[in-house]
Amino acid sequence: MAHAHESSKKRIWIVLIMLTLITTVEVLLGIIKPASLHLTSVLGTSPLNWIFIILTLVKAYYITWAFMHMEGEKKWLRRSVVWTAVFLICYLLTLILIEGDYLHSTLAPLVKW
């Protein structure tokens, strides 16, 4: 029983460290905002935004994997939960980027950015 407690304690620390590292990278990039990543455009938005999107998806996947205990489930249950969420998040991001680009191009002459 003590061995199970030690392994779950170690697992909690690993999860905490992984999520802290990813969040630290996101915060540092948000503070620094490198011009090479921020002022260019790739697929409708800046590479910095793509980095944020990808890191957020990685964190969401890792949280689902660790806290919903998906690593112990059957392969198809894991896929149905995780890939459905990933698909819906990507779909939402696509719609937001398209709508945001349209609003920016429409309101650009009227608003001082």
PDB file of N, CA and C in Angstrom:
ATOM      1  N   MET A   1       0.819  -1.196   0.000  1.00  0.00           N
ATOM      2  CA  MET A   1       0.000   0.000   0.000  1.00  0.00           C
ATOM      3  C   MET A   1       0.863   1.260   0.000  1.00  0.00           C
ATOM      4  N   ALA A   2       1.964   1.227   0.729  1.00  0.00           N
ATOM      5  CA  ALA A   2       2.845   2.398   0.789  1.00  0.00           C
ATOM      6  C   ALA A   2       3.479   2.664  -0.567  1.00  0.00           C
ATOM      7  N   HIS A   3       3.744   1.589  -1.302  1.00  0.00           N
ATOM      8  CA  HIS A   3       4.343   1.753  -2.618  1.00  0.00           C
ATOM      9  C   HIS A   3       3.393   2.482  -3.571  1.00  0.00           C
ATOM     10  N   ALA A   4       2.110   2.169  -3.517  1.00  0.00           N
ATOM     11  CA  ALA A   4       1.117   2.844  -4.362  1.00  0.00           C
ATOM     12  C   ALA A   4       1.025   4.322  -3.995  1.00  0.00           C
ATOM     13  N   HIS A   5       1.131   4.615  -2.701  1.00  0.00           N
ATOM     14  CA  HIS A   5       1.076   6.007  -2.261  1.00  0.00           C
ATOM     15  C   HIS A   5       2.288   6.788  -2.770  1.00  0.00           C
ATOM     16  N   GLU A   6       3.457   6.190  -2.739  1.00  0.00           N
ATOM     17  CA  GLU A   6       4.671   6.850  -3.222  1.00  0.00           C
ATOM     18  C   GLU A   6       4.611   7.090  -4.725  1.00  0.00           C
ATOM     19  N   SER A   7       4.105   6.118  -5.481  1.00  0.00           N
ATOM     20  CA  SER A   7       4.055   6.289  -6.934  1.00  0.00           C
ATOM     21  C   SER A   7       3.035   7.359  -7.324  1.00  0.00           C
ATOM     22  N   SER A   8       1.913   7.435  -6.600  1.00  0.00           N
ATOM     23  CA  SER A   8       0.942   8.476  -6.935  1.00  0.00           C
ATOM     24  C   SER A   8       1.463   9.847  -6.516  1.00  0.00           C
ATOM     25  N   LYS A   9       2.224   9.891  -5.442  1.00  0.00           N
ATOM     26  CA  LYS A   9       2.837  11.157  -5.020  1.00  0.00           C
ATOM     27  C   LYS A   9       3.854  11.623  -6.074  1.00  0.00           C
ATOM     28  N   LYS A  10       4.643  10.699  -6.576  1.00  0.00           N
ATOM     29  CA  LYS A  10       5.621  11.021  -7.623  1.00  0.00           C
ATOM     30  C   LYS A  10       4.907  11.487  -8.889  1.00  0.00           C
ATOM     31  N   ARG A  11       3.823  10.815  -9.228  1.00  0.00           N
ATOM     32  CA  ARG A  11       3.053  11.175 -10.426  1.00  0.00           C
ATOM     33  C   ARG A  11       2.477  12.586 -10.319  1.00  0.00           C
ATOM     34  N   ILE A  12       1.974  12.937  -9.145  1.00  0.00           N
ATOM     35  CA  ILE A  12       1.436  14.287  -8.929  1.00  0.00           C
ATOM     36  C   ILE A  12       2.522  15.330  -9.136  1.00  0.00           C
ATOM     37  N   TRP A  13       3.715  15.072  -8.645  1.00  0.00           N
ATOM     38  CA  TRP A  13       4.818  16.011  -8.824  1.00  0.00           C
ATOM     39  C   TRP A  13       5.213  16.134 -10.290  1.00  0.00           C
ATOM     40  N   ILE A  14       5.223  15.013 -11.000  1.00  0.00           N
ATOM     41  CA  ILE A  14       5.569  15.058 -12.430  1.00  0.00           C
ATOM     42  C   ILE A  14       4.539  15.875 -13.199  1.00  0.00           C
ATOM     43  N   VAL A  15       3.267  15.652 -12.909  1.00  0.00           N
ATOM     44  CA  VAL A  15       2.198  16.415 -13.569  1.00  0.00           C
ATOM     45  C   VAL A  15       2.342  17.902 -13.240  1.00  0.00           C
ATOM     46  N   LEU A  16       2.584  18.217 -11.979  1.00  0.00           N
ATOM     47  CA  LEU A  16       2.748  19.606 -11.571  1.00  0.00           C
ATOM     48  C   LEU A  16       3.924  20.262 -12.297  1.00  0.00           C
ATOM     49  N   ILE A  17       5.041  19.569 -12.377  1.00  0.00           N
ATOM     50  CA  ILE A  17       6.233  20.124 -13.038  1.00  0.00           C
ATOM     51  C   ILE A  17       5.978  20.332 -14.530  1.00  0.00           C
ATOM     52  N   MET A  18       5.354  19.344 -15.192  1.00  0.00           N
ATOM     53  CA  MET A  18       5.073  19.482 -16.632  1.00  0.00           C
ATOM     54  C   MET A  18       4.147  20.666 -16.909  1.00  0.00           C
ATOM     55  N   LEU A  19       3.058  20.772 -16.155  1.00  0.00           N
ATOM     56  CA  LEU A  19       2.115  21.868 -16.380  1.00  0.00           C
ATOM     57  C   LEU A  19       2.741  23.213 -16.024  1.00  0.00           C
ATOM     58  N   THR A  20       3.584  23.244 -14.998  1.00  0.00           N
ATOM     59  CA  THR A  20       4.275  24.482 -14.623  1.00  0.00           C
ATOM     60  C   THR A  20       5.243  24.920 -15.712  1.00  0.00           C
ATOM     61  N   LEU A  21       5.986  23.973 -16.284  1.00  0.00           N
ATOM     62  CA  LEU A  21       6.929  24.319 -17.356  1.00  0.00           C
ATOM     63  C   LEU A  21       6.208  24.872 -18.586  1.00  0.00           C
ATOM     64  N   ILE A  22       5.132  24.217 -18.990  1.00  0.00           N
ATOM     65  CA  ILE A  22       4.389  24.690 -20.165  1.00  0.00           C
ATOM     66  C   ILE A  22       3.790  26.070 -19.895  1.00  0.00           C
ATOM     67  N   THR A  23       3.227  26.259 -18.711  1.00  0.00           N
ATOM     68  CA  THR A  23       2.633  27.554 -18.367  1.00  0.00           C
ATOM     69  C   THR A  23       3.698  28.635 -18.292  1.00  0.00           C
ATOM     70  N   THR A  24       4.876  28.298 -17.761  1.00  0.00           N
ATOM     71  CA  THR A  24       5.975  29.269 -17.687  1.00  0.00           C
ATOM     72  C   THR A  24       6.415  29.706 -19.078  1.00  0.00           C
ATOM     73  N   VAL A  25       6.511  28.754 -19.997  1.00  0.00           N
ATOM     74  CA  VAL A  25       6.872  29.108 -21.383  1.00  0.00           C
ATOM     75  C   VAL A  25       5.821  30.035 -21.978  1.00  0.00           C
ATOM     76  N   GLU A  26       4.544  29.718 -21.762  1.00  0.00           N
ATOM     77  CA  GLU A  26       3.468  30.572 -22.284  1.00  0.00           C
ATOM     78  C   GLU A  26       3.545  31.982 -21.699  1.00  0.00           C
ATOM     79  N   VAL A  27       3.744  32.091 -20.399  1.00  0.00           N
ATOM     80  CA  VAL A  27       3.794  33.403 -19.754  1.00  0.00           C
ATOM     81  C   VAL A  27       5.009  34.191 -20.235  1.00  0.00           C
ATOM     82  N   LEU A  28       6.171  33.548 -20.318  1.00  0.00           N
ATOM     83  CA  LEU A  28       7.371  34.245 -20.791  1.00  0.00           C
ATOM     84  C   LEU A  28       7.212  34.726 -22.229  1.00  0.00           C
ATOM     85  N   LEU A  29       6.648  33.893 -23.082  1.00  0.00           N
ATOM     86  CA  LEU A  29       6.416  34.332 -24.464  1.00  0.00           C
ATOM     87  C   LEU A  29       5.404  35.474 -24.518  1.00  0.00           C
ATOM     88  N   GLY A  30       4.415  35.442 -23.636  1.00  0.00           N
ATOM     89  CA  GLY A  30       3.433  36.528 -23.590  1.00  0.00           C
ATOM     90  C   GLY A  30       4.032  37.834 -23.104  1.00  0.00           C
ATOM     91  N   ILE A  31       4.993  37.755 -22.203  1.00  0.00           N
ATOM     92  CA  ILE A  31       5.650  38.967 -21.689  1.00  0.00           C
ATOM     93  C   ILE A  31       6.663  39.493 -22.697  1.00  0.00           C
ATOM     94  N   ILE A  32       7.491  38.602 -23.223  1.00  0.00           N
ATOM     95  CA  ILE A  32       8.579  39.019 -24.122  1.00  0.00           C
ATOM     96  C   ILE A  32       8.050  39.403 -25.500  1.00  0.00           C
ATOM     97  N   LYS A  33       7.112  38.634 -26.041  1.00  0.00           N
ATOM     98  CA  LYS A  33       6.538  38.842 -27.382  1.00  0.00           C
ATOM     99  C   LYS A  33       7.620  39.109 -28.426  1.00  0.00           C
ATOM    100  N   PRO A  34       8.400  38.102 -28.803  1.00  0.00           N
ATOM    101  CA  PRO A  34       9.445  38.318 -29.814  1.00  0.00           C
ATOM    102  C   PRO A  34       8.835  38.827 -31.125  1.00  0.00           C
ATOM    103  N   ALA A  35       9.438  39.857 -31.671  1.00  0.00           N
ATOM    104  CA  ALA A  35       8.911  40.477 -32.887  1.00  0.00           C
ATOM    105  C   ALA A  35       8.847  39.485 -34.046  1.00  0.00           C
ATOM    106  N   SER A  36       9.817  38.572 -34.125  1.00  0.00           N
ATOM    107  CA  SER A  36       9.821  37.604 -35.219  1.00  0.00           C
ATOM    108  C   SER A  36       8.620  36.664 -35.142  1.00  0.00           C
ATOM    109  N   LEU A  37       8.097  36.445 -33.950  1.00  0.00           N
ATOM    110  CA  LEU A  37       6.924  35.577 -33.793  1.00  0.00           C
ATOM    111  C   LEU A  37       5.620  36.359 -33.757  1.00  0.00           C
ATOM    112  N   HIS A  38       5.711  37.614 -33.371  1.00  0.00           N
ATOM    113  CA  HIS A  38       4.501  38.406 -33.146  1.00  0.00           C
ATOM    114  C   HIS A  38       4.065  39.221 -34.357  1.00  0.00           C
ATOM    115  N   LEU A  39       4.997  39.699 -35.144  1.00  0.00           N
ATOM    116  CA  LEU A  39       4.668  40.640 -36.216  1.00  0.00           C
ATOM    117  C   LEU A  39       4.577  39.994 -37.596  1.00  0.00           C
ATOM    118  N   THR A  40       4.663  38.680 -37.664  1.00  0.00           N
ATOM    119  CA  THR A  40       4.513  37.991 -38.943  1.00  0.00           C
ATOM    120  C   THR A  40       3.179  37.244 -38.942  1.00  0.00           C
ATOM    121  N   SER A  41       2.808  36.711 -40.093  1.00  0.00           N
ATOM    122  CA  SER A  41       1.523  36.020 -40.187  1.00  0.00           C
ATOM    123  C   SER A  41       1.695  34.663 -40.860  1.00  0.00           C
ATOM    124  N   VAL A  42       1.132  33.637 -40.231  1.00  0.00           N
ATOM    125  CA  VAL A  42       1.134  32.281 -40.779  1.00  0.00           C
ATOM    126  C   VAL A  42      -0.272  31.729 -40.613  1.00  0.00           C
ATOM    127  N   LEU A  43      -0.905  31.339 -41.710  1.00  0.00           N
ATOM    128  CA  LEU A  43      -2.263  30.782 -41.683  1.00  0.00           C
ATOM    129  C   LEU A  43      -3.251  31.686 -40.954  1.00  0.00           C
ATOM    130  N   GLY A  44      -3.166  32.964 -41.188  1.00  0.00           N
ATOM    131  CA  GLY A  44      -4.156  33.896 -40.671  1.00  0.00           C
ATOM    132  C   GLY A  44      -3.856  34.526 -39.325  1.00  0.00           C
ATOM    133  N   THR A  45      -2.824  34.087 -38.653  1.00  0.00           N
ATOM    134  CA  THR A  45      -2.466  34.686 -37.372  1.00  0.00           C
ATOM    135  C   THR A  45      -0.956  34.565 -37.157  1.00  0.00           C
ATOM    136  N   SER A  46      -0.467  35.157 -36.102  1.00  0.00           N
ATOM    137  CA  SER A  46       0.977  35.158 -35.875  1.00  0.00           C
ATOM    138  C   SER A  46       1.457  33.800 -35.365  1.00  0.00           C
ATOM    139  N   PRO A  47       2.710  33.475 -35.622  1.00  0.00           N
ATOM    140  CA  PRO A  47       3.267  32.229 -35.084  1.00  0.00           C
ATOM    141  C   PRO A  47       3.199  32.179 -33.548  1.00  0.00           C
ATOM    142  N   LEU A  48       3.261  33.328 -32.906  1.00  0.00           N
ATOM    143  CA  LEU A  48       3.148  33.367 -31.456  1.00  0.00           C
ATOM    144  C   LEU A  48       1.775  32.849 -31.014  1.00  0.00           C
ATOM    145  N   ASN A  49       0.731  33.253 -31.717  1.00  0.00           N
ATOM    146  CA  ASN A  49      -0.607  32.737 -31.404  1.00  0.00           C
ATOM    147  C   ASN A  49      -0.694  31.235 -31.639  1.00  0.00           C
ATOM    148  N   TRP A  50      -0.057  30.744 -32.708  1.00  0.00           N
ATOM    149  CA  TRP A  50      -0.059  29.301 -32.967  1.00  0.00           C
ATOM    150  C   TRP A  50       0.663  28.556 -31.854  1.00  0.00           C
ATOM    151  N   ILE A  51       1.754  29.129 -31.352  1.00  0.00           N
ATOM    152  CA  ILE A  51       2.474  28.500 -30.239  1.00  0.00           C
ATOM    153  C   ILE A  51       1.578  28.425 -29.016  1.00  0.00           C
ATOM    154  N   PHE A  52       0.855  29.522 -28.719  1.00  0.00           N
ATOM    155  CA  PHE A  52      -0.070  29.516 -27.585  1.00  0.00           C
ATOM    156  C   PHE A  52      -1.166  28.462 -27.763  1.00  0.00           C
ATOM    157  N   ILE A  53      -1.710  28.371 -28.958  1.00  0.00           N
ATOM    158  CA  ILE A  53      -2.769  27.405 -29.237  1.00  0.00           C
ATOM    159  C   ILE A  53      -2.256  25.981 -29.041  1.00  0.00           C
ATOM    160  N   ILE A  54      -1.091  25.686 -29.592  1.00  0.00           N
ATOM    161  CA  ILE A  54      -0.528  24.338 -29.499  1.00  0.00           C
ATOM    162  C   ILE A  54      -0.189  23.987 -28.050  1.00  0.00           C
ATOM    163  N   LEU A  55       0.436  24.925 -27.323  1.00  0.00           N
ATOM    164  CA  LEU A  55       0.768  24.652 -25.922  1.00  0.00           C
ATOM    165  C   LEU A  55      -0.482  24.473 -25.068  1.00  0.00           C
ATOM    166  N   THR A  56      -1.530  25.213 -25.355  1.00  0.00           N
ATOM    167  CA  THR A  56      -2.781  25.057 -24.620  1.00  0.00           C
ATOM    168  C   THR A  56      -3.408  23.699 -24.908  1.00  0.00           C
ATOM    169  N   LEU A  57      -3.362  23.249 -26.166  1.00  0.00           N
ATOM    170  CA  LEU A  57      -3.872  21.922 -26.496  1.00  0.00           C
ATOM    171  C   LEU A  57      -3.058  20.821 -25.814  1.00  0.00           C
ATOM    172  N   VAL A  58      -1.742  21.011 -25.747  1.00  0.00           N
ATOM    173  CA  VAL A  58      -0.888  20.035 -25.063  1.00  0.00           C
ATOM    174  C   VAL A  58      -1.248  19.976 -23.577  1.00  0.00           C
ATOM    175  N   LYS A  59      -1.455  21.137 -22.964  1.00  0.00           N
ATOM    176  CA  LYS A  59      -1.843  21.148 -21.552  1.00  0.00           C
ATOM    177  C   LYS A  59      -3.208  20.487 -21.351  1.00  0.00           C
ATOM    178  N   ALA A  60      -4.158  20.766 -22.218  1.00  0.00           N
ATOM    179  CA  ALA A  60      -5.488  20.171 -22.095  1.00  0.00           C
ATOM    180  C   ALA A  60      -5.410  18.649 -22.244  1.00  0.00           C
ATOM    181  N   TYR A  61      -4.613  18.190 -23.182  1.00  0.00           N
ATOM    182  CA  TYR A  61      -4.434  16.751 -23.378  1.00  0.00           C
ATOM    183  C   TYR A  61      -3.801  16.118 -22.148  1.00  0.00           C
ATOM    184  N   TYR A  62      -2.774  16.759 -21.612  1.00  0.00           N
ATOM    185  CA  TYR A  62      -2.065  16.212 -20.455  1.00  0.00           C
ATOM    186  C   TYR A  62      -2.955  16.199 -19.213  1.00  0.00           C
ATOM    187  N   ILE A  63      -3.761  17.235 -19.038  1.00  0.00           N
ATOM    188  CA  ILE A  63      -4.690  17.274 -17.910  1.00  0.00           C
ATOM    189  C   ILE A  63      -5.729  16.163 -18.054  1.00  0.00           C
ATOM    190  N   THR A  64      -6.250  15.963 -19.254  1.00  0.00           N
ATOM    191  CA  THR A  64      -7.209  14.891 -19.489  1.00  0.00           C
ATOM    192  C   THR A  64      -6.558  13.532 -19.226  1.00  0.00           C
ATOM    193  N   TRP A  65      -5.356  13.357 -19.699  1.00  0.00           N
ATOM    194  CA  TRP A  65      -4.633  12.101 -19.540  1.00  0.00           C
ATOM    195  C   TRP A  65      -4.370  11.801 -18.067  1.00  0.00           C
ATOM    196  N   ALA A  66      -3.943  12.812 -17.307  1.00  0.00           N
ATOM    197  CA  ALA A  66      -3.538  12.580 -15.921  1.00  0.00           C
ATOM    198  C   ALA A  66      -4.715  12.599 -14.954  1.00  0.00           C
ATOM    199  N   PHE A  67      -5.558  13.611 -15.021  1.00  0.00           N
ATOM    200  CA  PHE A  67      -6.584  13.787 -14.002  1.00  0.00           C
ATOM    201  C   PHE A  67      -7.875  13.028 -14.289  1.00  0.00           C
ATOM    202  N   MET A  68      -8.097  12.670 -15.540  1.00  0.00           N
ATOM    203  CA  MET A  68      -9.265  11.839 -15.851  1.00  0.00           C
ATOM    204  C   MET A  68      -8.854  10.367 -15.945  1.00  0.00           C
ATOM    205  N   HIS A  69      -7.577  10.077 -15.637  1.00  0.00           N
ATOM    206  CA  HIS A  69      -7.046   8.708 -15.593  1.00  0.00           C
ATOM    207  C   HIS A  69      -7.259   7.969 -16.910  1.00  0.00           C
ATOM    208  N   MET A  70      -7.019   8.654 -18.014  1.00  0.00           N
ATOM    209  CA  MET A  70      -7.238   8.058 -19.323  1.00  0.00           C
ATOM    210  C   MET A  70      -6.175   7.027 -19.699  1.00  0.00           C
ATOM    211  N   GLU A  71      -5.006   7.072 -19.068  1.00  0.00           N
ATOM    212  CA  GLU A  71      -3.956   6.130 -19.453  1.00  0.00           C
ATOM    213  C   GLU A  71      -4.338   4.691 -19.114  1.00  0.00           C
ATOM    214  N   GLY A  72      -5.263   4.479 -18.191  1.00  0.00           N
ATOM    215  CA  GLY A  72      -5.676   3.138 -17.816  1.00  0.00           C
ATOM    216  C   GLY A  72      -6.911   2.637 -18.555  1.00  0.00           C
ATOM    217  N   GLU A  73      -7.462   3.448 -19.416  1.00  0.00           N
ATOM    218  CA  GLU A  73      -8.693   3.076 -20.126  1.00  0.00           C
ATOM    219  C   GLU A  73      -8.370   2.384 -21.444  1.00  0.00           C
ATOM    220  N   LYS A  74      -9.403   1.834 -22.052  1.00  0.00           N
ATOM    221  CA  LYS A  74      -9.252   1.192 -23.362  1.00  0.00           C
ATOM    222  C   LYS A  74      -8.888   2.245 -24.401  1.00  0.00           C
ATOM    223  N   LYS A  75      -8.188   1.793 -25.434  1.00  0.00           N
ATOM    224  CA  LYS A  75      -7.690   2.710 -26.457  1.00  0.00           C
ATOM    225  C   LYS A  75      -8.813   3.513 -27.110  1.00  0.00           C
ATOM    226  N   TRP A  76      -9.933   2.892 -27.427  1.00  0.00           N
ATOM    227  CA  TRP A  76     -11.001   3.596 -28.141  1.00  0.00           C
ATOM    228  C   TRP A  76     -11.753   4.574 -27.257  1.00  0.00           C
ATOM    229  N   LEU A  77     -11.829   4.307 -25.963  1.00  0.00           N
ATOM    230  CA  LEU A  77     -12.432   5.284 -25.054  1.00  0.00           C
ATOM    231  C   LEU A  77     -11.545   6.520 -24.952  1.00  0.00           C
ATOM    232  N   ARG A  78     -10.239   6.293 -24.822  1.00  0.00           N
ATOM    233  CA  ARG A  78      -9.297   7.425 -24.781  1.00  0.00           C
ATOM    234  C   ARG A  78      -9.423   8.274 -26.036  1.00  0.00           C
ATOM    235  N   ARG A  79      -9.428   7.604 -27.180  1.00  0.00           N
ATOM    236  CA  ARG A  79      -9.518   8.342 -28.444  1.00  0.00           C
ATOM    237  C   ARG A  79     -10.832   9.099 -28.566  1.00  0.00           C
ATOM    238  N   SER A  80     -11.928   8.487 -28.165  1.00  0.00           N
ATOM    239  CA  SER A  80     -13.218   9.157 -28.306  1.00  0.00           C
ATOM    240  C   SER A  80     -13.307  10.398 -27.426  1.00  0.00           C
ATOM    241  N   VAL A  81     -12.729  10.353 -26.246  1.00  0.00           N
ATOM    242  CA  VAL A  81     -12.760  11.509 -25.345  1.00  0.00           C
ATOM    243  C   VAL A  81     -11.791  12.580 -25.819  1.00  0.00           C
ATOM    244  N   VAL A  82     -10.542  12.198 -26.025  1.00  0.00           N
ATOM    245  CA  VAL A  82      -9.495  13.180 -26.330  1.00  0.00           C
ATOM    246  C   VAL A  82      -9.654  13.756 -27.728  1.00  0.00           C
ATOM    247  N   TRP A  83      -9.854  12.910 -28.741  1.00  0.00           N
ATOM    248  CA  TRP A  83      -9.920  13.427 -30.106  1.00  0.00           C
ATOM    249  C   TRP A  83     -11.184  14.233 -30.368  1.00  0.00           C
ATOM    250  N   THR A  84     -12.266  13.914 -29.682  1.00  0.00           N
ATOM    251  CA  THR A  84     -13.469  14.741 -29.811  1.00  0.00           C
ATOM    252  C   THR A  84     -13.201  16.141 -29.286  1.00  0.00           C
ATOM    253  N   ALA A  85     -12.563  16.228 -28.134  1.00  0.00           N
ATOM    254  CA  ALA A  85     -12.236  17.536 -27.564  1.00  0.00           C
ATOM    255  C   ALA A  85     -11.256  18.296 -28.460  1.00  0.00           C
ATOM    256  N   VAL A  86     -10.236  17.612 -28.958  1.00  0.00           N
ATOM    257  CA  VAL A  86      -9.255  18.271 -29.835  1.00  0.00           C
ATOM    258  C   VAL A  86      -9.935  18.776 -31.105  1.00  0.00           C
ATOM    259  N   PHE A  87     -10.792  17.968 -31.702  1.00  0.00           N
ATOM    260  CA  PHE A  87     -11.511  18.387 -32.911  1.00  0.00           C
ATOM    261  C   PHE A  87     -12.366  19.622 -32.636  1.00  0.00           C
ATOM    262  N   LEU A  88     -13.128  19.589 -31.547  1.00  0.00           N
ATOM    263  CA  LEU A  88     -14.007  20.724 -31.240  1.00  0.00           C
ATOM    264  C   LEU A  88     -13.216  21.992 -30.934  1.00  0.00           C
ATOM    265  N   ILE A  89     -12.093  21.868 -30.254  1.00  0.00           N
ATOM    266  CA  ILE A  89     -11.253  23.037 -29.954  1.00  0.00           C
ATOM    267  C   ILE A  89     -10.674  23.595 -31.250  1.00  0.00           C
ATOM    268  N   CYS A  90     -10.180  22.736 -32.130  1.00  0.00           N
ATOM    269  CA  CYS A  90      -9.632  23.202 -33.410  1.00  0.00           C
ATOM    270  C   CYS A  90     -10.712  23.861 -34.271  1.00  0.00           C
ATOM    271  N   TYR A  91     -11.907  23.303 -34.262  1.00  0.00           N
ATOM    272  CA  TYR A  91     -13.024  23.882 -35.006  1.00  0.00           C
ATOM    273  C   TYR A  91     -13.364  25.271 -34.458  1.00  0.00           C
ATOM    274  N   LEU A  92     -13.437  25.382 -33.141  1.00  0.00           N
ATOM    275  CA  LEU A  92     -13.718  26.674 -32.507  1.00  0.00           C
ATOM    276  C   LEU A  92     -12.630  27.695 -32.840  1.00  0.00           C
ATOM    277  N   LEU A  93     -11.373  27.289 -32.771  1.00  0.00           N
ATOM    278  CA  LEU A  93     -10.281  28.202 -33.103  1.00  0.00           C
ATOM    279  C   LEU A  93     -10.348  28.659 -34.550  1.00  0.00           C
ATOM    280  N   THR A  94     -10.688  27.755 -35.452  1.00  0.00           N
ATOM    281  CA  THR A  94     -10.820  28.124 -36.869  1.00  0.00           C
ATOM    282  C   THR A  94     -11.905  29.180 -37.045  1.00  0.00           C
ATOM    283  N   LEU A  95     -13.044  28.964 -36.422  1.00  0.00           N
ATOM    284  CA  LEU A  95     -14.134  29.940 -36.533  1.00  0.00           C
ATOM    285  C   LEU A  95     -13.749  31.282 -35.918  1.00  0.00           C
ATOM    286  N   ILE A  96     -13.085  31.261 -34.780  1.00  0.00           N
ATOM    287  CA  ILE A  96     -12.674  32.505 -34.123  1.00  0.00           C
ATOM    288  C   ILE A  96     -11.678  33.263 -34.985  1.00  0.00           C
ATOM    289  N   LEU A  97     -10.703  32.552 -35.566  1.00  0.00           N
ATOM    290  CA  LEU A  97      -9.703  33.219 -36.404  1.00  0.00           C
ATOM    291  C   LEU A  97     -10.331  33.803 -37.669  1.00  0.00           C
ATOM    292  N   ILE A  98     -11.247  33.082 -38.292  1.00  0.00           N
ATOM    293  CA  ILE A  98     -11.916  33.587 -39.495  1.00  0.00           C
ATOM    294  C   ILE A  98     -12.750  34.815 -39.156  1.00  0.00           C
ATOM    295  N   GLU A  99     -13.528  34.724 -38.081  1.00  0.00           N
ATOM    296  CA  GLU A  99     -14.388  35.844 -37.684  1.00  0.00           C
ATOM    297  C   GLU A  99     -13.556  37.052 -37.246  1.00  0.00           C
ATOM    298  N   GLY A 100     -12.487  36.799 -36.510  1.00  0.00           N
ATOM    299  CA  GLY A 100     -11.629  37.897 -36.070  1.00  0.00           C
ATOM    300  C   GLY A 100     -10.960  38.604 -37.235  1.00  0.00           C
ATOM    301  N   ASP A 101     -10.513  37.840 -38.237  1.00  0.00           N
ATOM    302  CA  ASP A 101      -9.901  38.444 -39.415  1.00  0.00           C
ATOM    303  C   ASP A 101     -10.913  39.279 -40.186  1.00  0.00           C
ATOM    304  N   TYR A 102     -12.133  38.769 -40.296  1.00  0.00           N
ATOM    305  CA  TYR A 102     -13.183  39.523 -40.984  1.00  0.00           C
ATOM    306  C   TYR A 102     -13.493  40.825 -40.245  1.00  0.00           C
ATOM    307  N   LEU A 103     -13.657  40.741 -38.927  1.00  0.00           N
ATOM    308  CA  LEU A 103     -13.954  41.949 -38.148  1.00  0.00           C
ATOM    309  C   LEU A 103     -12.824  42.971 -38.233  1.00  0.00           C
ATOM    310  N   HIS A 104     -11.588  42.482 -38.188  1.00  0.00           N
ATOM    311  CA  HIS A 104     -10.445  43.404 -38.279  1.00  0.00           C
ATOM    312  C   HIS A 104     -10.421  44.102 -39.631  1.00  0.00           C
ATOM    313  N   SER A 105     -10.635  43.336 -40.701  1.00  0.00           N
ATOM    314  CA  SER A 105     -10.597  43.962 -42.027  1.00  0.00           C
ATOM    315  C   SER A 105     -11.787  44.898 -42.238  1.00  0.00           C
ATOM    316  N   THR A 106     -12.924  44.604 -41.633  1.00  0.00           N
ATOM    317  CA  THR A 106     -14.112  45.445 -41.780  1.00  0.00           C
ATOM    318  C   THR A 106     -14.011  46.708 -40.939  1.00  0.00           C
ATOM    319  N   LEU A 107     -13.518  46.584 -39.725  1.00  0.00           N
ATOM    320  CA  LEU A 107     -13.471  47.729 -38.808  1.00  0.00           C
ATOM    321  C   LEU A 107     -12.170  48.506 -38.881  1.00  0.00           C
ATOM    322  N   ALA A 108     -11.187  48.036 -39.612  1.00  0.00           N
ATOM    323  CA  ALA A 108      -9.885  48.710 -39.672  1.00  0.00           C
ATOM    324  C   ALA A 108      -9.987  50.180 -40.060  1.00  0.00           C
ATOM    325  N   PRO A 109     -10.813  50.544 -41.057  1.00  0.00           N
ATOM    326  CA  PRO A 109     -10.892  51.977 -41.404  1.00  0.00           C
ATOM    327  C   PRO A 109     -11.588  52.809 -40.317  1.00  0.00           C
ATOM    328  N   LEU A 110     -12.361  52.188 -39.451  1.00  0.00           N
ATOM    329  CA  LEU A 110     -13.151  52.927 -38.488  1.00  0.00           C
ATOM    330  C   LEU A 110     -12.531  53.032 -37.091  1.00  0.00           C
ATOM    331  N   VAL A 111     -11.618  52.123 -36.779  1.00  0.00           N
ATOM    332  CA  VAL A 111     -11.077  52.040 -35.423  1.00  0.00           C
ATOM    333  C   VAL A 111      -9.576  52.292 -35.450  1.00  0.00           C
ATOM    334  N   LYS A 112      -9.110  53.084 -34.479  1.00  0.00           N
ATOM    335  CA  LYS A 112      -7.669  53.269 -34.335  1.00  0.00           C
ATOM    336  C   LYS A 112      -7.151  52.136 -33.459  1.00  0.00           C
ATOM    337  N   TRP A 113      -6.328  51.261 -34.023  1.00  0.00           N
ATOM    338  CA  TRP A 113      -5.877  50.059 -33.301  1.00  0.00           C
ATOM    339  C   TRP A 113      -4.746  50.372 -32.375  1.00  0.00           C
TER     340      TRP A 113
END
